[in-house]
């Protein structure tokens, strides 16, 4: 089971970013609801930034994959006002006892 985070400028929306979380290998969770918590990686505690897919509307597809996406303001990704931001996703799938952590994106927002 893997999760991959992508963040790119939202087309035609200055100051906004498209945040996408893709998952694969969730074959034992087909049909289960899925959501992701976006976090800022910091030495002492990780900042809670926002969530995607909350409310049970997103589900793992028949092939064990999912895609979650949301357009957010730059300020929602700027977890480190004095430097470079480190942003990752924690994916939660209904019925799994653990969250799956994505890659970390390191850049200034």
Protein backbone atom coordinates (compact mmCIF):
# COMPACT_ATOMS: atom_id res chain seq x y z
CA UNK A 1 0.00 0.00 0.00
CA UNK A 2 1.45 3.32 -1.06
CA UNK A 3 0.28 6.92 -1.18
CA UNK A 4 1.79 9.65 -3.34
CA UNK A 5 1.28 13.39 -2.79
CA UNK A 6 1.40 15.91 -5.65
CA UNK A 7 1.10 19.70 -5.31
CA UNK A 8 1.00 21.99 -8.34
CA UNK A 9 -0.22 25.52 -9.09
CA UNK A 10 -3.95 25.52 -9.88
CA UNK A 11 -4.45 26.47 -13.51
CA UNK A 12 -5.90 29.96 -13.90
CA UNK A 13 -6.08 30.50 -10.12
CA UNK A 14 -3.18 32.64 -8.88
CA UNK A 15 -2.15 31.91 -5.30
CA UNK A 16 -3.97 28.56 -5.26
CA UNK A 17 -2.63 25.01 -5.53
CA UNK A 18 -4.05 21.67 -6.60
CA UNK A 19 -3.31 19.02 -3.97
CA UNK A 20 -3.65 15.40 -5.15
CA UNK A 21 -3.20 12.20 -3.16
CA UNK A 22 -3.05 8.97 -5.19
CA UNK A 23 -3.05 5.54 -3.61
CA UNK A 24 -2.42 2.05 -4.92
CA UNK A 25 -2.15 -1.44 -3.51
CA UNK A 26 -5.26 -1.16 -1.33
CA UNK A 27 -6.72 -4.35 -2.87
CA UNK A 28 -8.13 -5.62 0.44
CA UNK A 29 -10.03 -2.33 0.93
CA UNK A 30 -12.09 -2.16 -2.28
CA UNK A 31 -15.24 -0.10 -1.71
CA UNK A 32 -14.06 1.26 1.64
CA UNK A 33 -14.08 5.01 2.29
CA UNK A 34 -10.78 6.88 2.15
CA UNK A 35 -9.60 10.31 3.29
CA UNK A 36 -6.28 12.07 3.80
CA UNK A 37 -4.97 14.46 6.43
CA UNK A 38 -2.43 16.95 5.09
CA UNK A 39 0.32 17.75 7.57
CA UNK A 40 3.39 19.97 7.86
CA UNK A 41 6.51 18.07 8.91
CA UNK A 42 8.28 19.78 11.82
CA UNK A 43 10.87 18.66 14.41
CA UNK A 44 8.69 18.87 17.54
CA UNK A 45 5.12 18.34 16.27
CA UNK A 46 3.54 18.18 12.85
CA UNK A 47 1.13 20.97 11.91
CA UNK A 48 -2.42 20.01 10.98
CA UNK A 49 -3.09 21.81 7.70
CA UNK A 50 -6.37 20.43 6.22
CA UNK A 51 -8.14 17.23 5.17
CA UNK A 52 -9.27 15.86 1.82
CA UNK A 53 -12.08 13.36 1.24
CA UNK A 54 -13.78 13.71 4.61
CA UNK A 55 -17.41 12.58 4.76
CA UNK A 56 -17.18 9.11 3.24
CA UNK A 57 -17.75 10.18 -0.36
CA UNK A 58 -14.43 8.84 -1.69
CA UNK A 59 -13.83 5.09 -1.94
CA UNK A 60 -11.10 2.66 -2.95
CA UNK A 61 -11.74 1.53 -6.54
CA UNK A 62 -12.08 -2.09 -7.72
CA UNK A 63 -8.38 -2.17 -8.63
CA UNK A 64 -7.21 -1.04 -5.16
CA UNK A 65 -6.51 2.57 -6.16
CA UNK A 66 -7.92 5.96 -5.22
CA UNK A 67 -7.44 9.63 -6.03
CA UNK A 68 -8.28 12.52 -3.73
CA UNK A 69 -7.90 16.14 -4.79
CA UNK A 70 -8.65 19.65 -3.61
CA UNK A 71 -7.69 23.20 -4.59
CA UNK A 72 -6.41 25.25 -1.64
CA UNK A 73 -4.99 28.70 -0.98
CA UNK A 74 -1.23 29.03 -0.71
CA UNK A 75 -1.64 29.98 2.97
CA UNK A 76 -3.01 26.49 3.73
CA UNK A 77 0.28 24.95 2.59
CA UNK A 78 2.57 27.55 4.15
CA UNK A 79 3.30 25.69 7.38
CA UNK A 80 6.71 27.25 7.95
CA UNK A 81 6.46 31.05 7.54
CA UNK A 82 10.22 31.54 7.99
CA UNK A 83 11.48 28.96 5.53
CA UNK A 84 10.82 25.99 3.32
CA UNK A 85 7.63 24.01 3.88
CA UNK A 86 7.58 20.22 4.25
CA UNK A 87 4.13 18.83 3.47
CA UNK A 88 2.93 15.20 3.51
CA UNK A 89 -0.34 13.26 3.64
CA UNK A 90 -1.61 10.65 6.09
CA UNK A 91 -4.13 8.40 4.36
CA UNK A 92 -6.86 6.70 6.36
CA UNK A 93 -8.87 3.85 4.85
CA UNK A 94 -11.95 2.46 6.56
CA UNK A 95 -11.10 -0.77 8.38
CA UNK A 96 -7.32 -0.33 8.38
CA UNK A 97 -5.70 0.01 11.79
CA UNK A 98 -2.94 2.31 10.59
CA UNK A 99 -2.48 5.40 8.44
CA UNK A 100 -0.31 5.30 5.33
CA UNK A 101 2.16 8.16 5.01
CA UNK A 102 2.93 9.68 1.62
CA UNK A 103 6.11 11.24 0.31
CA UNK A 104 7.06 14.67 1.66
CA UNK A 105 7.07 17.68 -0.65
CA UNK A 106 9.69 20.28 0.28
CA UNK A 107 9.28 23.78 -1.17
CA UNK A 108 8.18 27.27 -0.23
CA UNK A 109 4.52 28.15 -0.67
